C-alpha atoms as a PDB file:
ATOM      1  CA  MET A   1     -56.263  76.146 -72.116  1.00  0.00           C
ATOM      2  CA  ARG A   2     -52.443  76.139 -73.700  1.00  0.00           C
ATOM      3  CA  ILE A   3     -51.876  74.980 -77.132  1.00  0.00           C
ATOM      4  CA  GLY A   4     -48.650  74.255 -78.840  1.00  0.00           C
ATOM      5  CA  VAL A   5     -47.853  72.408 -81.999  1.00  0.00           C
ATOM      6  CA  ALA A   6     -44.857  70.816 -83.472  1.00  0.00           C
ATOM      7  CA  PRO A   7     -42.566  72.991 -85.858  1.00  0.00           C
ATOM      8  CA  HIS A   8     -42.732  70.232 -88.301  1.00  0.00           C
ATOM      9  CA  ARG A   9     -44.662  67.702 -90.273  1.00  0.00           C
ATOM     10  CA  LEU A  10     -45.768  64.499 -88.748  1.00  0.00           C
ATOM     11  CA  TRP A  11     -43.206  61.889 -88.961  1.00  0.00           C
ATOM     12  CA  PRO A  12     -40.996  63.102 -91.921  1.00  0.00           C
ATOM     13  CA  ARG A  13     -39.515  60.668 -94.615  1.00  0.00           C
ATOM     14  CA  SER A  14     -36.440  62.620 -95.237  1.00  0.00           C
ATOM     15  CA  ASP A  15     -34.274  65.447 -93.830  1.00  0.00           C
ATOM     16  CA  ASP A  16     -35.335  68.330 -96.026  1.00  0.00           C
ATOM     17  CA  GLN A  17     -38.694  68.094 -94.853  1.00  0.00           C
ATOM     18  CA  LEU A  18     -37.113  69.051 -91.427  1.00  0.00           C
ATOM     19  CA  ASP A  19     -35.001  71.907 -92.951  1.00  0.00           C
ATOM     20  CA  GLY A  20     -38.276  74.932 -92.558  1.00  0.00           C
ATOM     21  CA  ALA A  21     -38.345  73.889 -88.587  1.00  0.00           C
ATOM     22  CA  LEU A  22     -36.879  77.154 -87.266  1.00  0.00           C
ATOM     23  CA  GLU A  23     -38.955  79.257 -89.892  1.00  0.00           C
ATOM     24  CA  THR A  24     -41.914  77.277 -88.684  1.00  0.00           C
ATOM     25  CA  ALA A  25     -41.417  78.010 -84.880  1.00  0.00           C
ATOM     26  CA  ARG A  26     -41.055  81.621 -85.602  1.00  0.00           C
ATOM     27  CA  ARG A  27     -44.358  81.927 -87.480  1.00  0.00           C
ATOM     28  CA  ALA A  28     -45.690  79.771 -84.446  1.00  0.00           C
ATOM     29  CA  GLU A  29     -44.668  82.386 -82.422  1.00  0.00           C
ATOM     30  CA  GLU A  30     -45.892  85.382 -84.399  1.00  0.00           C
ATOM     31  CA  LEU A  31     -49.504  83.246 -84.694  1.00  0.00           C
ATOM     32  CA  GLY A  32     -49.922  83.120 -81.122  1.00  0.00           C
ATOM     33  CA  PHE A  33     -49.174  79.373 -79.948  1.00  0.00           C
ATOM     34  CA  ASP A  34     -47.971  78.656 -76.393  1.00  0.00           C
ATOM     35  CA  HIS A  35     -45.213  76.494 -77.243  1.00  0.00           C
ATOM     36  CA  VAL A  36     -43.660  74.466 -79.596  1.00  0.00           C
ATOM     37  CA  VAL A  37     -42.887  70.942 -78.977  1.00  0.00           C
ATOM     38  CA  ALA A  38     -40.286  68.751 -79.896  1.00  0.00           C
ATOM     39  CA  GLY A  39     -40.206  65.183 -80.329  1.00  0.00           C
ATOM     40  CA  GLY A  40     -36.888  62.911 -81.022  1.00  0.00           C
ATOM     41  CA  HIS A  41     -35.426  59.470 -82.101  1.00  0.00           C
ATOM     42  CA  LEU A  42     -31.942  58.630 -82.494  1.00  0.00           C
ATOM     43  CA  LEU A  43     -32.314  56.290 -85.385  1.00  0.00           C
ATOM     44  CA  ALA A  44     -34.649  56.581 -88.515  1.00  0.00           C
ATOM     45  CA  GLY A  45     -37.028  54.449 -88.486  1.00  0.00           C
ATOM     46  CA  GLY A  46     -40.840  53.712 -88.782  1.00  0.00           C
ATOM     47  CA  LEU A  47     -41.907  56.975 -87.388  1.00  0.00           C
ATOM     48  CA  GLY A  48     -39.538  58.616 -90.078  1.00  0.00           C
ATOM     49  CA  VAL A  49     -36.217  61.078 -89.589  1.00  0.00           C
ATOM     50  CA  SER A  50     -36.115  63.285 -86.656  1.00  0.00           C
ATOM     51  CA  LEU A  51     -34.041  66.181 -84.947  1.00  0.00           C
ATOM     52  CA  ASP A  52     -32.396  65.997 -81.639  1.00  0.00           C
ATOM     53  CA  PRO A  53     -35.144  68.081 -79.456  1.00  0.00           C
ATOM     54  CA  LEU A  54     -32.245  69.803 -77.180  1.00  0.00           C
ATOM     55  CA  VAL A  55     -30.565  71.111 -80.014  1.00  0.00           C
ATOM     56  CA  LEU A  56     -33.609  71.690 -82.371  1.00  0.00           C
ATOM     57  CA  LEU A  57     -35.001  73.692 -78.967  1.00  0.00           C
ATOM     58  CA  SER A  58     -32.135  75.579 -78.560  1.00  0.00           C
ATOM     59  CA  ALA A  59     -31.735  76.634 -82.293  1.00  0.00           C
ATOM     60  CA  VAL A  60     -35.474  77.584 -81.374  1.00  0.00           C
ATOM     61  CA  ALA A  61     -34.877  79.882 -78.649  1.00  0.00           C
ATOM     62  CA  GLY A  62     -32.202  81.784 -80.309  1.00  0.00           C
ATOM     63  CA  ALA A  63     -34.639  82.321 -83.135  1.00  0.00           C
ATOM     64  CA  THR A  64     -37.635  83.702 -80.729  1.00  0.00           C
ATOM     65  CA  ARG A  65     -38.776  85.543 -78.027  1.00  0.00           C
ATOM     66  CA  ARG A  66     -41.563  84.537 -76.179  1.00  0.00           C
ATOM     67  CA  ILE A  67     -42.761  80.707 -77.242  1.00  0.00           C
ATOM     68  CA  GLY A  68     -42.041  78.565 -74.714  1.00  0.00           C
ATOM     69  CA  LEU A  69     -40.187  75.635 -75.434  1.00  0.00           C
ATOM     70  CA  VAL A  70     -41.146  71.578 -74.736  1.00  0.00           C
ATOM     71  CA  THR A  71     -39.591  68.448 -75.393  1.00  0.00           C
ATOM     72  CA  GLY A  72     -42.519  65.954 -76.070  1.00  0.00           C
ATOM     73  CA  VAL A  73     -40.941  63.487 -75.485  1.00  0.00           C
ATOM     74  CA  LEU A  74     -37.072  63.028 -74.382  1.00  0.00           C
ATOM     75  CA  ILE A  75     -36.112  59.386 -74.040  1.00  0.00           C
ATOM     76  CA  LEU A  76     -34.633  59.492 -70.487  1.00  0.00           C
ATOM     77  CA  PRO A  77     -33.044  56.318 -70.426  1.00  0.00           C
ATOM     78  CA  LEU A  78     -30.755  57.251 -73.489  1.00  0.00           C
ATOM     79  CA  TYR A  79     -28.614  59.821 -71.469  1.00  0.00           C
ATOM     80  CA  ASP A  80     -26.787  60.325 -69.171  1.00  0.00           C
ATOM     81  CA  PRO A  81     -28.290  62.551 -66.015  1.00  0.00           C
ATOM     82  CA  VAL A  82     -25.641  64.810 -65.166  1.00  0.00           C
ATOM     83  CA  VAL A  83     -25.219  65.772 -68.568  1.00  0.00           C
ATOM     84  CA  LEU A  84     -28.656  65.966 -69.366  1.00  0.00           C
ATOM     85  CA  ALA A  85     -28.947  68.052 -66.230  1.00  0.00           C
ATOM     86  CA  HIS A  86     -26.291  70.576 -67.297  1.00  0.00           C
ATOM     87  CA  GLN A  87     -27.559  70.459 -70.729  1.00  0.00           C
ATOM     88  CA  THR A  88     -31.062  71.454 -69.804  1.00  0.00           C
ATOM     89  CA  ALA A  89     -29.951  73.712 -67.394  1.00  0.00           C
ATOM     90  CA  THR A  90     -27.962  75.816 -69.871  1.00  0.00           C
ATOM     91  CA  LEU A  91     -31.121  75.652 -72.269  1.00  0.00           C
ATOM     92  CA  ASP A  92     -33.461  77.052 -69.514  1.00  0.00           C
ATOM     93  CA  ARG A  93     -31.402  79.879 -68.583  1.00  0.00           C
ATOM     94  CA  LEU A  94     -30.476  80.975 -72.240  1.00  0.00           C
ATOM     95  CA  SER A  95     -34.139  80.848 -72.982  1.00  0.00           C
ATOM     96  CA  HIS A  96     -35.051  83.100 -69.779  1.00  0.00           C
ATOM     97  CA  GLY A  97     -36.893  79.902 -68.117  1.00  0.00           C
ATOM     98  CA  ARG A  98     -38.818  79.050 -71.449  1.00  0.00           C
ATOM     99  CA  PHE A  99     -38.032  75.657 -71.295  1.00  0.00           C
ATOM    100  CA  THR A 100     -40.163  72.107 -70.371  1.00  0.00           C
ATOM    101  CA  MET A 101     -38.689  69.175 -69.878  1.00  0.00           C
ATOM    102  CA  GLY A 102     -40.788  66.069 -71.024  1.00  0.00           C
ATOM    103  CA  VAL A 103     -39.739  62.957 -70.373  1.00  0.00           C
ATOM    104  CA  GLY A 104     -40.670  59.193 -71.587  1.00  0.00           C
ATOM    105  CA  THR A 105     -39.317  55.702 -70.978  1.00  0.00           C
ATOM    106  CA  GLY A 106     -39.281  54.920 -74.567  1.00  0.00           C
ATOM    107  CA  TRP A 107     -40.018  51.597 -76.425  1.00  0.00           C
ATOM    108  CA  ASP A 108     -37.552  51.032 -79.309  1.00  0.00           C
ATOM    109  CA  THR A 109     -35.177  48.844 -78.109  1.00  0.00           C
ATOM    110  CA  ALA A 110     -32.826  49.247 -81.181  1.00  0.00           C
ATOM    111  CA  GLU A 111     -32.065  52.569 -79.537  1.00  0.00           C
ATOM    112  CA  PHE A 112     -30.835  51.386 -76.531  1.00  0.00           C
ATOM    113  CA  ALA A 113     -28.873  48.964 -78.023  1.00  0.00           C
ATOM    114  CA  ALA A 114     -26.770  51.742 -80.017  1.00  0.00           C
ATOM    115  CA  VAL A 115     -26.091  53.455 -77.084  1.00  0.00           C
ATOM    116  CA  GLY A 116     -25.278  50.358 -74.902  1.00  0.00           C
ATOM    117  CA  ALA A 117     -28.298  51.028 -72.211  1.00  0.00           C
ATOM    118  CA  PRO A 118     -30.281  48.285 -71.227  1.00  0.00           C
ATOM    119  CA  PHE A 119     -33.617  48.165 -71.926  1.00  0.00           C
ATOM    120  CA  ALA A 120     -34.790  46.064 -68.744  1.00  0.00           C
ATOM    121  CA  GLY A 121     -35.552  48.253 -65.946  1.00  0.00           C
ATOM    122  CA  ARG A 122     -35.820  51.564 -67.825  1.00  0.00           C
ATOM    123  CA  GLY A 123     -38.435  52.878 -65.395  1.00  0.00           C
ATOM    124  CA  ARG A 124     -36.491  52.126 -62.597  1.00  0.00           C
ATOM    125  CA  ARG A 125     -33.510  54.246 -63.998  1.00  0.00           C
ATOM    126  CA  ALA A 126     -35.906  56.849 -65.144  1.00  0.00           C
ATOM    127  CA  ASP A 127     -36.820  57.283 -61.410  1.00  0.00           C
ATOM    128  CA  GLU A 128     -33.185  57.276 -60.281  1.00  0.00           C
ATOM    129  CA  GLN A 129     -32.342  60.024 -63.324  1.00  0.00           C
ATOM    130  CA  LEU A 130     -35.117  62.217 -62.183  1.00  0.00           C
ATOM    131  CA  THR A 131     -34.020  62.057 -58.524  1.00  0.00           C
ATOM    132  CA  LEU A 132     -30.745  63.077 -60.020  1.00  0.00           C
ATOM    133  CA  VAL A 133     -31.687  65.768 -62.026  1.00  0.00           C
ATOM    134  CA  ARG A 134     -34.035  67.837 -59.885  1.00  0.00           C
ATOM    135  CA  ARG A 135     -30.943  67.503 -57.110  1.00  0.00           C
ATOM    136  CA  LEU A 136     -28.846  69.099 -59.650  1.00  0.00           C
ATOM    137  CA  TRP A 137     -31.080  71.880 -61.040  1.00  0.00           C
ATOM    138  CA  ARG A 138     -31.514  73.007 -57.076  1.00  0.00           C
ATOM    139  CA  GLY A 139     -27.663  72.302 -56.230  1.00  0.00           C
ATOM    140  CA  ASP A 140     -28.692  70.425 -53.877  1.00  0.00           C
ATOM    141  CA  ASP A 141     -26.144  67.602 -54.387  1.00  0.00           C
ATOM    142  CA  GLU A 142     -23.407  67.717 -51.710  1.00  0.00           C
ATOM    143  CA  LYS A 143     -20.856  66.100 -54.240  1.00  0.00           C
ATOM    144  CA  MET A 144     -20.781  67.836 -57.070  1.00  0.00           C
ATOM    145  CA  ARG A 145     -22.256  71.670 -58.732  1.00  0.00           C
ATOM    146  CA  LEU A 146     -23.539  71.847 -62.354  1.00  0.00           C
ATOM    147  CA  ALA A 147     -21.415  74.183 -63.852  1.00  0.00           C
ATOM    148  CA  VAL A 148     -24.844  76.552 -64.294  1.00  0.00           C
ATOM    149  CA  LEU A 149     -28.013  76.244 -62.673  1.00  0.00           C
ATOM    150  CA  PRO A 150     -31.539  76.587 -64.467  1.00  0.00           C
ATOM    151  CA  ARG A 151     -33.075  80.045 -64.461  1.00  0.00           C
ATOM    152  CA  THR A 152     -36.246  78.651 -63.355  1.00  0.00           C
ATOM    153  CA  GLU A 153     -35.876  78.214 -59.366  1.00  0.00           C
ATOM    154  CA  GLY A 154     -35.688  74.509 -58.642  1.00  0.00           C
ATOM    155  CA  GLY A 155     -35.435  73.804 -62.556  1.00  0.00           C
ATOM    156  CA  PRO A 156     -37.888  73.286 -65.673  1.00  0.00           C
ATOM    157  CA  PRO A 157     -41.167  72.194 -65.243  1.00  0.00           C
ATOM    158  CA  VAL A 158     -41.315  68.188 -65.922  1.00  0.00           C
ATOM    159  CA  TRP A 159     -43.950  66.685 -67.870  1.00  0.00           C
ATOM    160  CA  ILE A 160     -44.292  63.045 -67.675  1.00  0.00           C
ATOM    161  CA  ALA A 161     -45.048  60.773 -70.655  1.00  0.00           C
ATOM    162  CA  GLY A 162     -47.093  57.888 -70.881  1.00  0.00           C
ATOM    163  CA  GLN A 163     -49.931  55.458 -69.981  1.00  0.00           C
ATOM    164  CA  GLY A 164     -50.221  53.442 -66.629  1.00  0.00           C
ATOM    165  CA  ASP A 165     -50.409  53.289 -63.141  1.00  0.00           C
ATOM    166  CA  ALA A 166     -46.093  52.994 -62.953  1.00  0.00           C
ATOM    167  CA  VAL A 167     -46.147  56.312 -64.879  1.00  0.00           C
ATOM    168  CA  LEU A 168     -48.940  58.115 -63.245  1.00  0.00           C
ATOM    169  CA  ARG A 169     -46.943  57.254 -59.973  1.00  0.00           C
ATOM    170  CA  ARG A 170     -44.059  58.636 -61.751  1.00  0.00           C
ATOM    171  CA  ALA A 171     -45.804  61.853 -62.320  1.00  0.00           C
ATOM    172  CA  LEU A 172     -46.741  62.228 -59.106  1.00  0.00           C
ATOM    173  CA  ARG A 173     -43.241  61.640 -57.611  1.00  0.00           C
ATOM    174  CA  HIS A 174     -41.212  64.287 -60.120  1.00  0.00           C
ATOM    175  CA  GLY A 175     -43.599  65.523 -62.330  1.00  0.00           C
ATOM    176  CA  ASP A 176     -45.287  68.861 -62.560  1.00  0.00           C
ATOM    177  CA  ALA A 177     -47.816  67.457 -65.570  1.00  0.00           C
ATOM    178  CA  TRP A 178     -48.547  64.039 -66.850  1.00  0.00           C
ATOM    179  CA  HIS A 179     -48.472  64.216 -70.452  1.00  0.00           C
ATOM    180  CA  GLY A 180     -50.512  61.279 -71.990  1.00  0.00           C
ATOM    181  CA  PRO A 181     -50.788  60.302 -75.488  1.00  0.00           C
ATOM    182  CA  GLY A 182     -54.439  61.117 -77.718  1.00  0.00           C
ATOM    183  CA  VAL A 183     -56.637  61.323 -74.224  1.00  0.00           C
ATOM    184  CA  ASP A 184     -59.770  62.284 -75.274  1.00  0.00           C
ATOM    185  CA  ALA A 185     -62.293  64.069 -72.459  1.00  0.00           C
ATOM    186  CA  ALA A 186     -63.603  60.772 -71.382  1.00  0.00           C
ATOM    187  CA  GLN A 187     -59.992  59.317 -70.913  1.00  0.00           C
ATOM    188  CA  LEU A 188     -58.780  62.292 -69.259  1.00  0.00           C
ATOM    189  CA  SER A 189     -61.415  62.109 -66.175  1.00  0.00           C
ATOM    190  CA  GLN A 190     -60.358  58.110 -65.940  1.00  0.00           C
ATOM    191  CA  VAL A 191     -56.754  59.263 -65.312  1.00  0.00           C
ATOM    192  CA  ARG A 192     -57.803  62.328 -63.007  1.00  0.00           C
ATOM    193  CA  ARG A 193     -59.429  60.015 -61.074  1.00  0.00           C
ATOM    194  CA  ARG A 194     -56.749  57.553 -60.944  1.00  0.00           C
ATOM    195  CA  VAL A 195     -53.919  60.214 -59.703  1.00  0.00           C
ATOM    196  CA  ALA A 196     -56.794  60.583 -56.917  1.00  0.00           C
ATOM    197  CA  GLU A 197     -56.447  57.206 -55.883  1.00  0.00           C
ATOM    198  CA  LEU A 198     -52.566  56.834 -56.582  1.00  0.00           C
ATOM    199  CA  ALA A 199     -51.828  60.098 -54.501  1.00  0.00           C
ATOM    200  CA  GLU A 200     -53.833  58.495 -51.508  1.00  0.00           C
ATOM    201  CA  GLY A 201     -51.088  58.790 -48.562  1.00  0.00           C
ATOM    202  CA  ASN A 202     -48.891  60.349 -49.996  1.00  0.00           C
ATOM    203  CA  ASP A 203     -47.489  63.933 -49.482  1.00  0.00           C
ATOM    204  CA  ARG A 204     -48.443  65.699 -52.677  1.00  0.00           C
ATOM    205  CA  ASP A 205     -51.724  66.962 -53.394  1.00  0.00           C
ATOM    206  CA  PRO A 206     -53.502  65.150 -56.722  1.00  0.00           C
ATOM    207  CA  ALA A 207     -54.569  68.724 -57.673  1.00  0.00           C
ATOM    208  CA  THR A 208     -51.122  69.997 -58.501  1.00  0.00           C
ATOM    209  CA  LEU A 209     -50.501  67.761 -60.993  1.00  0.00           C
ATOM    210  CA  ALA A 210     -51.564  69.426 -64.342  1.00  0.00           C
ATOM    211  CA  LEU A 211     -52.516  67.171 -66.985  1.00  0.00           C
ATOM    212  CA  THR A 212     -51.406  67.420 -70.666  1.00  0.00           C
ATOM    213  CA  THR A 213     -51.913  65.648 -73.652  1.00  0.00           C
ATOM    214  CA  VAL A 214     -50.730  65.668 -77.115  1.00  0.00           C
ATOM    215  CA  ARG A 215     -53.165  65.381 -80.328  1.00  0.00           C
ATOM    216  CA  PHE A 216     -52.954  64.972 -83.792  1.00  0.00           C
ATOM    217  CA  LEU A 217     -54.880  67.675 -85.884  1.00  0.00           C
ATOM    218  CA  LEU A 218     -55.737  67.948 -89.450  1.00  0.00           C
ATOM    219  CA  PRO A 219     -57.426  71.052 -90.548  1.00  0.00           C
ATOM    220  CA  PRO A 220     -60.226  70.783 -93.007  1.00  0.00           C
ATOM    221  CA  GLY A 221     -59.104  71.072 -96.394  1.00  0.00           C
ATOM    222  CA  PHE A 222     -56.027  70.186 -96.241  1.00  0.00           C
ATOM    223  CA  PRO A 223     -54.517  66.038 -97.671  1.00  0.00           C
ATOM    224  CA  PRO A 224     -52.630  64.179 -95.152  1.00  0.00           C
ATOM    225  CA  ALA A 225     -48.995  63.538 -95.925  1.00  0.00           C
ATOM    226  CA  VAL A 226     -49.519  60.380 -94.038  1.00  0.00           C
ATOM    227  CA  ASP A 227     -52.371  58.087 -92.620  1.00  0.00           C
ATOM    228  CA  VAL A 228     -53.955  60.192 -89.911  1.00  0.00           C
ATOM    229  CA  PRO A 229     -53.946  58.169 -86.690  1.00  0.00           C
ATOM    230  CA  GLN A 230     -56.846  57.189 -84.978  1.00  0.00           C
ATOM    231  CA  GLY A 231     -58.639  59.408 -82.897  1.00  0.00           C
ATOM    232  CA  PRO A 232     -57.815  63.476 -84.432  1.00  0.00           C
ATOM    233  CA  LEU A 233     -58.756  66.184 -82.560  1.00  0.00           C
ATOM    234  CA  GLY A 234     -62.461  66.854 -83.742  1.00  0.00           C
ATOM    235  CA  GLY A 235     -62.615  63.439 -85.551  1.00  0.00           C
ATOM    236  CA  PRO A 236     -61.969  62.299 -88.584  1.00  0.00           C
ATOM    237  CA  ASP A 237     -63.447  64.595 -90.835  1.00  0.00           C
ATOM    238  CA  ALA A 238     -62.378  67.906 -88.510  1.00  0.00           C
ATOM    239  CA  THR A 239     -64.244  71.415 -88.432  1.00  0.00           C
ATOM    240  CA  ALA A 240     -63.371  74.415 -86.925  1.00  0.00           C
ATOM    241  CA  GLU A 241     -66.530  74.127 -84.641  1.00  0.00           C
ATOM    242  CA  SER A 242     -65.700  70.071 -84.202  1.00  0.00           C
ATOM    243  CA  VAL A 243     -62.395  71.038 -82.805  1.00  0.00           C
ATOM    244  CA  ARG A 244     -63.399  73.872 -81.015  1.00  0.00           C
ATOM    245  CA  ASP A 245     -66.097  71.741 -78.836  1.00  0.00           C
ATOM    246  CA  GLU A 246     -63.795  68.696 -77.923  1.00  0.00           C
ATOM    247  CA  LEU A 247     -60.919  71.565 -76.632  1.00  0.00           C
ATOM    248  CA  GLY A 248     -63.659  72.683 -74.375  1.00  0.00           C
ATOM    249  CA  ARG A 249     -64.337  69.207 -73.406  1.00  0.00           C
ATOM    250  CA  LEU A 250     -61.029  68.464 -72.541  1.00  0.00           C
ATOM    251  CA  ALA A 251     -60.398  71.295 -70.845  1.00  0.00           C
ATOM    252  CA  GLU A 252     -63.639  70.625 -68.368  1.00  0.00           C
ATOM    253  CA  ALA A 253     -61.997  67.081 -67.740  1.00  0.00           C
ATOM    254  CA  GLY A 254     -58.956  69.063 -66.528  1.00  0.00           C
ATOM    255  CA  LEU A 255     -56.692  69.580 -69.065  1.00  0.00           C
ATOM    256  CA  SER A 256     -54.078  72.192 -69.061  1.00  0.00           C
ATOM    257  CA  ALA A 257     -52.100  72.243 -72.437  1.00  0.00           C
ATOM    258  CA  VAL A 258     -52.251  70.339 -75.636  1.00  0.00           C
ATOM    259  CA  SER A 259     -49.476  70.129 -77.998  1.00  0.00           C
ATOM    260  CA  LEU A 260     -50.396  69.340 -81.766  1.00  0.00           C
ATOM    261  CA  TRP A 261     -48.783  67.601 -84.193  1.00  0.00           C
ATOM    262  CA  LEU A 262     -50.138  68.124 -87.897  1.00  0.00           C
ATOM    263  CA  PRO A 263     -49.955  65.421 -90.621  1.00  0.00           C
ATOM    264  CA  VAL A 264     -49.440  67.929 -93.746  1.00  0.00           C
ATOM    265  CA  ALA A 265     -46.997  68.309 -95.961  1.00  0.00           C
ATOM    266  CA  ALA A 266     -44.130  70.337 -94.996  1.00  0.00           C
ATOM    267  CA  GLU A 267     -44.962  73.451 -97.515  1.00  0.00           C
ATOM    268  CA  ALA A 268     -48.204  72.984 -96.288  1.00  0.00           C
ATOM    269  CA  LEU A 269     -47.933  73.821 -92.597  1.00  0.00           C
ATOM    270  CA  PRO A 270     -47.918  77.068 -92.720  1.00  0.00           C
ATOM    271  CA  ASP A 271     -51.134  77.381 -93.948  1.00  0.00           C
ATOM    272  CA  ALA A 272     -52.477  74.741 -91.626  1.00  0.00           C
ATOM    273  CA  LEU A 273     -50.725  76.756 -88.530  1.00  0.00           C
ATOM    274  CA  ALA A 274     -52.454  79.694 -90.014  1.00  0.00           C
ATOM    275  CA  TRP A 275     -55.999  77.663 -89.988  1.00  0.00           C
ATOM    276  CA  THR A 276     -55.554  76.313 -86.375  1.00  0.00           C
ATOM    277  CA  ALA A 277     -54.476  79.962 -84.891  1.00  0.00           C
ATOM    278  CA  GLU A 278     -57.337  81.613 -86.521  1.00  0.00           C
ATOM    279  CA  GLU A 279     -60.316  79.086 -85.940  1.00  0.00           C
ATOM    280  CA  VAL A 280     -58.998  77.776 -82.786  1.00  0.00           C
ATOM    281  CA  LEU A 281     -56.576  80.171 -80.970  1.00  0.00           C
ATOM    282  CA  ARG A 282     -58.951  82.758 -81.522  1.00  0.00           C
ATOM    283  CA  HIS A 283     -61.910  80.657 -79.877  1.00  0.00           C
ATOM    284  CA  PRO A 284     -59.893  79.743 -76.251  1.00  0.00           C
ATOM    285  CA  SER A 285     -61.916  76.789 -74.590  1.00  0.00           C
END
């Protein structure tokens, strides 16, 4: 199983709590994590402040050599698809194919209003955007060609985030992976079964759709900087053994990648990463 991590604390409350993101990303690479994951919101709100995910990952690409770069997630309907195709092709090329584009349809109506994008119909527009972005990445559009094509043949991997049948259908049509929020092994098995059902009669082999998730992890001995969301990896009183056990169950259920958010103070993040590397990465599931 591929294990990634966010390069800053969960739900930062002030801009300075993001200042060490590049150093954290470099440390994550040194410790052996598979990827860094970057979410993003345009406006400050209940989830705190946020860096732009594409700008952050571009900076991480220049500061590292190996580690993968994942948007987790980019709110697709807020973007012009041609501009996004060019930005992501550029990042994929300059990072030597390390980029993965995780996308969702969003939930914050204020962000849509801020950019003049309609909130209603965003799922349908996301489908249209993904079709165009894929075509532009491949250089198949007869009317226009991107100024630069991705290094990855056919374009970077795409993870489709969200819940429900509409999201699973979108993942089957456009995605390399489904990216689910906080699923456990039983829920993941249900998702796998539903993917197989929705794929019946289609050309897509459901086994080719990877399953990924994002989970919160509070390592033992680290005080939380925020209220820990329900269902943290390994349970509310996690131990190294309980974390490894749950990851093992997730792997058996078919999970291929997990992205971790650590709800610890910014200054404690390096030590929390080191604990996770020693107790989790060194004991593969």
